[in-house]
């Protein structure tokens, strides 16, 4: 095939963005990136609060399990299988309305009823009414940091807390 000399070949048109278009696109991208980076501290705080609430719920589950196991101990005896988990006997004998307070590490292990340097959570178990032969009722509050007493309104909550109500049947 031959191309005649009188036919002109057209040059391909070059397609490109102008400097104004590139500048506007960079400005929009920078604005979006700044907005996303501005939300980063809020999302990190939300994630940390979620981790703390999950750990507190895990501690509550452990406490409920210990209370249920303790309910199966014969009346008048105490479950002393772990000194870090000492709870007042809540059945048999005179009723003690004093709340139990336990402290826990960051990974949910009990460090006993005295605050230590490794304690991150405070669990307060407030028994409601004297227990009967069949049922024990309690409010369980897990709070952090452990130095703040969640039952004292004068301290004001600095950290957080998770509260639940539990009924233990025998």
N, C-alpha and C. Protein backbone atom coordinates (compact mmCIF):
# COMPACT_ATOMS: atom_id res chain seq x y z
N UNK A 1 0.82 -1.16 0.00
CA UNK A 1 0.00 0.00 0.00
C UNK A 1 0.88 1.25 0.00
N UNK A 2 0.50 2.13 -0.79
CA UNK A 2 1.28 3.35 -0.94
C UNK A 2 0.49 4.55 -0.49
N UNK A 3 1.18 5.47 0.09
CA UNK A 3 0.54 6.72 0.50
C UNK A 3 0.97 7.78 -0.49
N UNK A 4 0.01 8.42 -0.96
CA UNK A 4 0.35 9.45 -1.93
C UNK A 4 0.97 10.65 -1.23
N UNK A 5 1.74 11.39 -1.98
CA UNK A 5 2.47 12.50 -1.42
C UNK A 5 1.56 13.66 -1.02
N UNK A 6 0.45 13.75 -1.65
CA UNK A 6 -0.40 14.89 -1.34
C UNK A 6 -1.24 14.67 -0.08
N UNK A 7 -1.27 13.44 0.46
CA UNK A 7 -1.99 13.20 1.73
C UNK A 7 -1.09 13.56 2.89
N UNK A 8 -1.59 14.34 3.73
CA UNK A 8 -0.81 14.72 4.90
C UNK A 8 -1.16 13.80 6.06
N UNK A 9 -0.15 13.36 6.70
CA UNK A 9 -0.40 12.57 7.92
C UNK A 9 -0.59 13.55 9.06
N UNK A 10 -1.66 13.34 9.82
CA UNK A 10 -1.89 14.25 10.94
C UNK A 10 -1.05 13.80 12.14
N UNK A 11 -0.49 14.76 12.80
CA UNK A 11 0.29 14.46 14.01
C UNK A 11 -0.68 14.14 15.14
N UNK A 12 -0.32 13.15 15.96
CA UNK A 12 -1.22 12.85 17.08
C UNK A 12 -1.28 14.03 18.04
N UNK A 13 -2.48 14.31 18.50
CA UNK A 13 -2.63 15.40 19.46
C UNK A 13 -2.12 14.93 20.80
N UNK A 14 -1.39 15.73 21.46
CA UNK A 14 -0.86 15.35 22.77
C UNK A 14 -1.88 15.72 23.84
N UNK A 15 -2.16 14.74 24.69
CA UNK A 15 -3.10 14.96 25.78
C UNK A 15 -2.30 15.13 27.07
N UNK A 16 -2.59 16.18 27.82
CA UNK A 16 -1.86 16.44 29.07
C UNK A 16 -2.73 17.30 29.97
N UNK A 17 -2.35 17.27 31.23
CA UNK A 17 -3.02 18.14 32.19
C UNK A 17 -2.28 19.46 32.25
N UNK A 18 -3.05 20.49 32.47
CA UNK A 18 -2.42 21.79 32.60
C UNK A 18 -1.88 21.94 34.03
N UNK A 19 -1.04 22.90 34.21
CA UNK A 19 -0.44 23.14 35.52
C UNK A 19 -1.52 23.49 36.56
N UNK A 20 -2.54 24.20 36.15
CA UNK A 20 -3.64 24.55 37.06
C UNK A 20 -4.38 23.29 37.51
N UNK A 21 -4.65 22.39 36.60
CA UNK A 21 -5.35 21.15 36.95
C UNK A 21 -4.52 20.30 37.92
N UNK A 22 -3.24 20.19 37.68
CA UNK A 22 -2.36 19.42 38.58
C UNK A 22 -2.32 20.06 39.96
N UNK A 23 -2.23 21.37 40.02
CA UNK A 23 -2.19 22.07 41.30
C UNK A 23 -3.50 21.87 42.08
N UNK A 24 -4.62 21.97 41.40
CA UNK A 24 -5.91 21.74 42.07
C UNK A 24 -6.03 20.30 42.58
N UNK A 25 -5.60 19.34 41.80
CA UNK A 25 -5.67 17.93 42.22
C UNK A 25 -4.80 17.69 43.45
N UNK A 26 -3.60 18.26 43.47
CA UNK A 26 -2.73 18.13 44.65
C UNK A 26 -3.34 18.80 45.87
N UNK A 27 -3.98 19.92 45.67
CA UNK A 27 -4.63 20.62 46.79
C UNK A 27 -5.77 19.80 47.38
N UNK A 28 -6.59 19.19 46.54
CA UNK A 28 -7.70 18.35 47.01
C UNK A 28 -7.16 17.12 47.73
N UNK A 29 -6.12 16.50 47.18
CA UNK A 29 -5.53 15.31 47.83
C UNK A 29 -4.92 15.68 49.19
N UNK A 30 -4.24 16.81 49.27
CA UNK A 30 -3.65 17.24 50.53
C UNK A 30 -4.73 17.53 51.57
N UNK A 31 -5.81 18.17 51.16
CA UNK A 31 -6.91 18.46 52.09
C UNK A 31 -7.51 17.16 52.63
N UNK A 32 -7.74 16.18 51.75
CA UNK A 32 -8.31 14.90 52.19
C UNK A 32 -7.34 14.18 53.13
N UNK A 33 -6.05 14.22 52.82
CA UNK A 33 -5.06 13.56 53.67
C UNK A 33 -4.99 14.21 55.05
N UNK A 34 -5.07 15.53 55.11
CA UNK A 34 -5.07 16.23 56.39
C UNK A 34 -6.31 15.87 57.22
N UNK A 35 -7.45 15.72 56.56
CA UNK A 35 -8.67 15.35 57.28
C UNK A 35 -8.55 13.94 57.86
N UNK A 36 -7.98 13.03 57.10
CA UNK A 36 -7.79 11.65 57.58
C UNK A 36 -6.80 11.62 58.74
N UNK A 37 -5.68 12.33 58.61
CA UNK A 37 -4.70 12.38 59.69
C UNK A 37 -5.26 13.07 60.93
N UNK A 38 -6.17 14.00 60.77
CA UNK A 38 -6.79 14.66 61.91
C UNK A 38 -7.68 13.73 62.72
N UNK A 39 -8.21 12.70 62.08
CA UNK A 39 -9.07 11.74 62.79
C UNK A 39 -8.26 10.65 63.49
N UNK A 40 -6.97 10.56 63.23
CA UNK A 40 -6.13 9.50 63.79
C UNK A 40 -6.09 9.51 65.32
N UNK A 41 -5.89 10.64 66.01
CA UNK A 41 -5.88 10.61 67.48
C UNK A 41 -7.21 10.14 68.07
N UNK A 42 -8.31 10.54 67.48
CA UNK A 42 -9.63 10.12 67.96
C UNK A 42 -9.81 8.62 67.80
N UNK A 43 -9.38 8.09 66.67
CA UNK A 43 -9.53 6.65 66.46
C UNK A 43 -8.62 5.86 67.39
N UNK A 44 -7.45 6.37 67.70
CA UNK A 44 -6.57 5.67 68.65
C UNK A 44 -7.15 5.67 70.06
N UNK A 45 -7.76 6.78 70.48
CA UNK A 45 -8.41 6.83 71.79
C UNK A 45 -9.59 5.87 71.84
N UNK A 46 -10.35 5.80 70.78
CA UNK A 46 -11.49 4.89 70.72
C UNK A 46 -11.03 3.44 70.78
N UNK A 47 -9.95 3.12 70.08
CA UNK A 47 -9.42 1.76 70.11
C UNK A 47 -8.92 1.41 71.50
N UNK A 48 -8.22 2.32 72.17
CA UNK A 48 -7.72 2.06 73.52
C UNK A 48 -8.88 1.86 74.49
N UNK A 49 -9.92 2.67 74.39
CA UNK A 49 -11.10 2.49 75.26
C UNK A 49 -11.76 1.15 74.99
N UNK A 50 -11.81 0.73 73.75
CA UNK A 50 -12.40 -0.56 73.41
C UNK A 50 -11.59 -1.71 74.00
N UNK A 51 -10.27 -1.61 73.95
CA UNK A 51 -9.40 -2.64 74.54
C UNK A 51 -9.62 -2.71 76.05
N UNK A 52 -9.70 -1.55 76.71
CA UNK A 52 -9.90 -1.53 78.16
C UNK A 52 -11.27 -2.10 78.54
N UNK A 53 -12.31 -1.78 77.79
CA UNK A 53 -13.63 -2.31 78.08
C UNK A 53 -13.68 -3.82 77.86
N UNK A 54 -13.00 -4.30 76.85
CA UNK A 54 -12.96 -5.75 76.60
C UNK A 54 -12.25 -6.46 77.74
N UNK A 55 -11.13 -5.91 78.22
CA UNK A 55 -10.42 -6.51 79.35
C UNK A 55 -11.29 -6.47 80.61
N UNK A 56 -12.00 -5.37 80.83
CA UNK A 56 -12.88 -5.27 82.00
C UNK A 56 -14.00 -6.30 81.93
N UNK A 57 -14.58 -6.51 80.76
CA UNK A 57 -15.62 -7.53 80.62
C UNK A 57 -15.07 -8.93 80.85
N UNK A 58 -13.83 -9.17 80.45
CA UNK A 58 -13.19 -10.45 80.72
C UNK A 58 -13.00 -10.67 82.21
N UNK A 59 -12.62 -9.62 82.92
CA UNK A 59 -12.45 -9.71 84.38
C UNK A 59 -13.79 -9.99 85.04
N UNK A 60 -14.85 -9.34 84.58
CA UNK A 60 -16.18 -9.61 85.13
C UNK A 60 -16.56 -11.07 84.91
N UNK A 61 -16.26 -11.62 83.75
CA UNK A 61 -16.56 -13.03 83.48
C UNK A 61 -15.80 -13.94 84.45
N UNK A 62 -14.54 -13.60 84.72
CA UNK A 62 -13.76 -14.39 85.67
C UNK A 62 -14.38 -14.34 87.07
N UNK A 63 -14.80 -13.14 87.48
CA UNK A 63 -15.38 -12.98 88.81
C UNK A 63 -16.67 -13.76 88.94
N UNK A 64 -17.52 -13.69 87.93
CA UNK A 64 -18.78 -14.44 87.94
C UNK A 64 -18.49 -15.94 88.04
N UNK A 65 -17.48 -16.41 87.31
CA UNK A 65 -17.10 -17.82 87.39
C UNK A 65 -16.64 -18.21 88.78
N UNK A 66 -15.83 -17.35 89.41
CA UNK A 66 -15.38 -17.64 90.78
C UNK A 66 -16.54 -17.62 91.76
N UNK A 67 -17.46 -16.67 91.61
CA UNK A 67 -18.62 -16.62 92.50
C UNK A 67 -19.49 -17.87 92.33
N UNK A 68 -19.67 -18.30 91.11
CA UNK A 68 -20.46 -19.51 90.87
C UNK A 68 -19.77 -20.74 91.44
N UNK A 69 -18.45 -20.81 91.33
CA UNK A 69 -17.71 -21.94 91.89
C UNK A 69 -17.76 -21.89 93.41
N UNK A 70 -17.68 -20.68 93.98
CA UNK A 70 -17.72 -20.52 95.43
C UNK A 70 -19.09 -20.88 95.99
N UNK A 71 -20.13 -20.69 95.18
CA UNK A 71 -21.48 -21.02 95.63
C UNK A 71 -21.64 -22.52 95.82
N UNK A 72 -20.75 -23.31 95.24
CA UNK A 72 -20.84 -24.76 95.36
C UNK A 72 -20.02 -25.31 96.52
N UNK A 73 -19.29 -24.43 97.23
CA UNK A 73 -18.55 -24.84 98.42
C UNK A 73 -19.55 -24.98 99.56
N UNK A 74 -19.41 -26.01 100.40
CA UNK A 74 -20.37 -26.18 101.49
C UNK A 74 -20.46 -24.94 102.37
N UNK A 75 -21.67 -24.61 102.88
CA UNK A 75 -21.85 -23.41 103.71
C UNK A 75 -20.89 -23.41 104.89
N UNK A 76 -20.36 -22.22 105.18
CA UNK A 76 -19.44 -22.06 106.30
C UNK A 76 -17.99 -22.26 105.91
N UNK A 77 -17.73 -22.70 104.71
CA UNK A 77 -16.35 -22.89 104.26
C UNK A 77 -16.05 -21.86 103.18
N UNK A 78 -14.76 -21.61 102.96
CA UNK A 78 -14.35 -20.64 101.97
C UNK A 78 -13.50 -21.34 100.92
N UNK A 79 -13.56 -20.84 99.73
CA UNK A 79 -12.72 -21.34 98.66
C UNK A 79 -11.40 -20.58 98.72
N UNK A 80 -10.34 -21.23 99.19
CA UNK A 80 -9.03 -20.58 99.32
C UNK A 80 -8.01 -21.21 98.37
N UNK A 81 -8.47 -21.63 97.20
CA UNK A 81 -7.56 -22.27 96.26
C UNK A 81 -6.58 -21.28 95.64
N UNK A 82 -6.85 -19.99 95.73
CA UNK A 82 -5.97 -18.97 95.19
C UNK A 82 -6.06 -17.75 96.07
N UNK A 83 -4.96 -17.40 96.74
CA UNK A 83 -4.99 -16.29 97.70
C UNK A 83 -5.24 -14.95 97.01
N UNK A 84 -4.98 -14.84 95.71
CA UNK A 84 -5.25 -13.60 94.99
C UNK A 84 -6.72 -13.43 94.67
N UNK A 85 -7.52 -14.43 94.95
CA UNK A 85 -8.94 -14.38 94.63
C UNK A 85 -9.79 -14.43 95.89
N UNK A 86 -9.27 -13.97 97.01
CA UNK A 86 -10.05 -14.07 98.25
C UNK A 86 -11.30 -13.21 98.15
N UNK A 87 -12.45 -13.85 98.32
CA UNK A 87 -13.74 -13.17 98.36
C UNK A 87 -14.38 -13.48 99.70
N UNK A 88 -15.12 -12.53 100.25
CA UNK A 88 -15.83 -12.80 101.49
C UNK A 88 -16.77 -13.98 101.29
N UNK A 89 -16.90 -14.82 102.30
CA UNK A 89 -17.92 -15.87 102.16
C UNK A 89 -19.28 -15.20 102.08
N UNK A 90 -20.04 -15.49 101.07
CA UNK A 90 -21.34 -14.84 100.91
C UNK A 90 -22.49 -15.82 101.11
N UNK A 91 -22.20 -16.89 101.81
CA UNK A 91 -23.26 -17.81 102.20
C UNK A 91 -22.79 -18.52 103.47
N UNK A 92 -23.72 -18.89 104.29
CA UNK A 92 -23.37 -19.57 105.54
C UNK A 92 -22.74 -18.58 106.51
N UNK A 93 -23.17 -18.53 107.71
CA UNK A 93 -22.61 -17.61 108.70
C UNK A 93 -23.22 -16.23 108.55
N UNK A 94 -22.74 -15.27 109.35
CA UNK A 94 -23.31 -13.92 109.29
C UNK A 94 -22.95 -13.24 107.97
N UNK A 95 -23.90 -12.42 107.53
CA UNK A 95 -23.70 -11.71 106.27
C UNK A 95 -22.81 -10.51 106.48
N UNK A 96 -21.83 -10.33 105.62
CA UNK A 96 -20.92 -9.19 105.67
C UNK A 96 -21.20 -8.29 104.47
N UNK A 97 -21.79 -7.09 104.69
CA UNK A 97 -22.14 -6.23 103.55
C UNK A 97 -20.95 -5.50 102.94
N UNK A 98 -19.75 -5.68 103.50
CA UNK A 98 -18.57 -5.01 102.96
C UNK A 98 -18.29 -5.49 101.54
N UNK A 99 -18.12 -4.57 100.60
CA UNK A 99 -17.83 -5.03 99.22
C UNK A 99 -16.44 -5.64 99.14
N UNK A 100 -16.30 -6.61 98.26
CA UNK A 100 -14.99 -7.18 97.96
C UNK A 100 -14.32 -6.29 96.94
N UNK A 101 -13.03 -6.06 97.11
CA UNK A 101 -12.26 -5.29 96.14
C UNK A 101 -11.06 -6.12 95.72
N UNK A 102 -10.93 -6.33 94.44
CA UNK A 102 -9.80 -7.06 93.88
C UNK A 102 -9.12 -6.19 92.84
N UNK A 103 -7.84 -6.40 92.65
CA UNK A 103 -7.07 -5.65 91.65
C UNK A 103 -6.51 -6.62 90.62
N UNK A 104 -6.43 -6.14 89.38
CA UNK A 104 -6.03 -6.99 88.26
C UNK A 104 -4.96 -6.31 87.41
N UNK A 105 -4.12 -7.13 86.79
CA UNK A 105 -3.10 -6.62 85.87
C UNK A 105 -3.73 -6.33 84.52
N UNK A 106 -2.92 -5.85 83.61
CA UNK A 106 -3.40 -5.51 82.28
C UNK A 106 -3.90 -6.72 81.50
N UNK A 107 -3.34 -7.91 81.81
CA UNK A 107 -3.77 -9.11 81.11
C UNK A 107 -4.85 -9.88 81.87
N UNK A 108 -5.45 -9.27 82.90
CA UNK A 108 -6.60 -9.85 83.58
C UNK A 108 -6.28 -10.82 84.70
N UNK A 109 -5.06 -10.82 85.22
CA UNK A 109 -4.70 -11.71 86.32
C UNK A 109 -4.88 -10.97 87.65
N UNK A 110 -5.46 -11.66 88.61
CA UNK A 110 -5.70 -11.04 89.91
C UNK A 110 -4.39 -10.89 90.67
N UNK A 111 -4.22 -9.72 91.31
CA UNK A 111 -3.06 -9.49 92.16
C UNK A 111 -3.48 -9.35 93.61
N UNK A 112 -4.72 -9.72 93.92
CA UNK A 112 -5.19 -9.72 95.30
C UNK A 112 -6.04 -8.52 95.63
N UNK A 113 -6.25 -8.34 96.93
CA UNK A 113 -7.15 -7.28 97.38
C UNK A 113 -6.42 -6.00 97.75
N UNK A 114 -5.11 -5.97 97.60
CA UNK A 114 -4.34 -4.75 97.86
C UNK A 114 -3.78 -4.21 96.57
N UNK A 115 -3.81 -2.89 96.43
CA UNK A 115 -3.32 -2.27 95.20
C UNK A 115 -1.81 -2.44 95.11
N UNK A 116 -1.34 -2.79 93.93
CA UNK A 116 0.09 -2.95 93.69
C UNK A 116 0.49 -2.10 92.49
N UNK A 117 1.79 -2.07 92.22
CA UNK A 117 2.26 -1.27 91.09
C UNK A 117 1.87 -1.89 89.75
N UNK A 118 1.55 -3.19 89.75
CA UNK A 118 1.17 -3.85 88.49
C UNK A 118 -0.34 -3.80 88.24
N UNK A 119 -1.10 -3.31 89.20
CA UNK A 119 -2.56 -3.28 89.06
C UNK A 119 -2.97 -2.22 88.04
N UNK A 120 -3.91 -2.61 87.16
CA UNK A 120 -4.43 -1.70 86.15
C UNK A 120 -5.94 -1.53 86.31
N UNK A 121 -6.60 -2.56 86.86
CA UNK A 121 -8.05 -2.55 87.02
C UNK A 121 -8.42 -2.80 88.48
N UNK A 122 -9.51 -2.18 88.92
CA UNK A 122 -10.08 -2.41 90.24
C UNK A 122 -11.46 -3.01 90.05
N UNK A 123 -11.71 -4.14 90.71
CA UNK A 123 -13.03 -4.78 90.67
C UNK A 123 -13.66 -4.65 92.04
N UNK A 124 -14.86 -4.12 92.08
CA UNK A 124 -15.62 -3.98 93.33
C UNK A 124 -16.87 -4.83 93.21
N UNK A 125 -17.02 -5.77 94.16
CA UNK A 125 -18.17 -6.67 94.17
C UNK A 125 -19.02 -6.28 95.37
N UNK A 126 -20.16 -5.66 95.10
CA UNK A 126 -21.08 -5.21 96.15
C UNK A 126 -22.26 -6.18 96.22
N UNK A 127 -22.32 -6.92 97.32
CA UNK A 127 -23.42 -7.87 97.48
C UNK A 127 -24.68 -7.11 97.87
N UNK A 128 -25.80 -7.53 97.28
CA UNK A 128 -27.07 -6.87 97.51
C UNK A 128 -27.91 -7.81 98.37
N UNK A 129 -28.41 -7.32 99.47
CA UNK A 129 -29.22 -8.11 100.39
C UNK A 129 -28.42 -9.29 100.95
N UNK A 130 -28.76 -9.73 102.11
CA UNK A 130 -28.12 -10.94 102.61
C UNK A 130 -28.48 -12.11 101.69
N UNK A 131 -27.50 -12.95 101.35
CA UNK A 131 -27.79 -14.06 100.45
C UNK A 131 -28.73 -15.07 101.11
N UNK A 132 -29.54 -15.69 100.29
CA UNK A 132 -30.45 -16.72 100.79
C UNK A 132 -29.80 -18.08 100.55
N UNK A 133 -30.53 -19.14 100.88
CA UNK A 133 -30.00 -20.48 100.64
C UNK A 133 -29.91 -20.80 99.16
N UNK A 134 -30.60 -20.03 98.35
CA UNK A 134 -30.63 -20.36 96.92
C UNK A 134 -30.01 -19.31 96.01
N UNK A 135 -29.89 -18.06 96.47
CA UNK A 135 -29.48 -17.01 95.54
C UNK A 135 -28.58 -15.98 96.22
N UNK A 136 -27.61 -15.50 95.47
CA UNK A 136 -26.78 -14.37 95.86
C UNK A 136 -26.88 -13.34 94.75
N UNK A 137 -27.10 -12.08 95.11
CA UNK A 137 -27.19 -10.99 94.14
C UNK A 137 -26.01 -10.05 94.37
N UNK A 138 -25.41 -9.57 93.28
CA UNK A 138 -24.26 -8.68 93.43
C UNK A 138 -24.17 -7.73 92.24
N UNK A 139 -23.66 -6.54 92.53
CA UNK A 139 -23.26 -5.59 91.49
C UNK A 139 -21.75 -5.67 91.37
N UNK A 140 -21.25 -5.86 90.18
CA UNK A 140 -19.81 -5.94 89.94
C UNK A 140 -19.41 -4.76 89.09
N UNK A 141 -18.43 -3.99 89.56
CA UNK A 141 -17.92 -2.84 88.82
C UNK A 141 -16.42 -3.02 88.64
N UNK A 142 -15.98 -2.95 87.40
CA UNK A 142 -14.55 -2.98 87.09
C UNK A 142 -14.20 -1.59 86.55
N UNK A 143 -13.22 -0.95 87.20
CA UNK A 143 -12.87 0.42 86.81
C UNK A 143 -11.36 0.52 86.59
N UNK A 144 -10.97 1.54 85.89
CA UNK A 144 -9.57 1.83 85.65
C UNK A 144 -9.39 3.33 85.59
N UNK A 145 -8.32 3.88 86.03
CA UNK A 145 -7.19 3.29 86.72
C UNK A 145 -7.60 2.82 88.11
N UNK A 146 -6.81 1.93 88.70
CA UNK A 146 -7.24 1.33 89.97
C UNK A 146 -7.20 2.28 91.16
N UNK A 147 -6.49 3.39 91.04
CA UNK A 147 -6.41 4.33 92.15
C UNK A 147 -7.71 5.10 92.35
N UNK A 148 -8.56 5.12 91.34
CA UNK A 148 -9.83 5.85 91.41
C UNK A 148 -10.91 4.91 91.93
N UNK A 149 -11.57 5.31 93.02
CA UNK A 149 -12.66 4.51 93.57
C UNK A 149 -13.95 4.89 92.84
N UNK A 150 -14.54 3.95 92.08
CA UNK A 150 -15.73 4.30 91.29
C UNK A 150 -16.97 4.55 92.14
N UNK A 151 -16.95 4.14 93.41
CA UNK A 151 -18.11 4.35 94.27
C UNK A 151 -18.08 5.72 94.95
N UNK A 152 -16.95 6.41 94.89
CA UNK A 152 -16.81 7.71 95.52
C UNK A 152 -17.09 8.81 94.49
N UNK A 153 -18.25 9.51 94.60
CA UNK A 153 -18.58 10.53 93.59
C UNK A 153 -17.65 11.73 93.64
N UNK A 154 -16.95 11.94 94.74
CA UNK A 154 -16.07 13.10 94.86
C UNK A 154 -14.84 12.98 93.98
N UNK A 155 -14.42 11.76 93.66
CA UNK A 155 -13.20 11.60 92.86
C UNK A 155 -13.42 11.97 91.41
N UNK A 156 -14.62 11.79 90.90
CA UNK A 156 -14.87 12.02 89.48
C UNK A 156 -14.16 10.94 88.67
N UNK A 157 -14.80 10.43 87.65
CA UNK A 157 -14.20 9.35 86.88
C UNK A 157 -13.17 9.92 85.91
N UNK A 158 -11.95 9.49 86.06
CA UNK A 158 -10.88 9.90 85.17
C UNK A 158 -10.72 8.87 84.05
N UNK A 159 -10.83 7.59 84.39
CA UNK A 159 -10.67 6.51 83.42
C UNK A 159 -12.02 6.06 82.89
N UNK A 160 -12.33 4.82 83.15
CA UNK A 160 -13.59 4.27 82.70
C UNK A 160 -14.06 3.18 83.64
N UNK A 161 -15.26 2.67 83.39
CA UNK A 161 -15.76 1.58 84.21
C UNK A 161 -16.81 0.80 83.45
N UNK A 162 -16.94 -0.46 83.86
CA UNK A 162 -17.95 -1.36 83.33
C UNK A 162 -18.66 -1.95 84.53
N UNK A 163 -19.99 -1.93 84.52
CA UNK A 163 -20.77 -2.43 85.64
C UNK A 163 -21.76 -3.47 85.15
N UNK A 164 -21.97 -4.50 85.98
CA UNK A 164 -22.97 -5.50 85.66
C UNK A 164 -23.65 -5.98 86.94
N UNK A 165 -24.80 -6.56 86.79
CA UNK A 165 -25.56 -7.16 87.89
C UNK A 165 -25.54 -8.66 87.67
N UNK A 166 -25.32 -9.43 88.73
CA UNK A 166 -25.26 -10.88 88.59
C UNK A 166 -26.09 -11.53 89.69
N UNK A 167 -26.78 -12.58 89.32
CA UNK A 167 -27.53 -13.40 90.27
C UNK A 167 -26.93 -14.81 90.22
N UNK A 168 -26.42 -15.27 91.36
CA UNK A 168 -25.81 -16.60 91.45
C UNK A 168 -26.80 -17.53 92.11
N UNK A 169 -27.21 -18.53 91.40
CA UNK A 169 -28.13 -19.54 91.95
C UNK A 169 -27.33 -20.75 92.43
N UNK A 170 -27.81 -21.32 93.55
CA UNK A 170 -27.14 -22.51 94.07
C UNK A 170 -27.94 -23.72 93.71
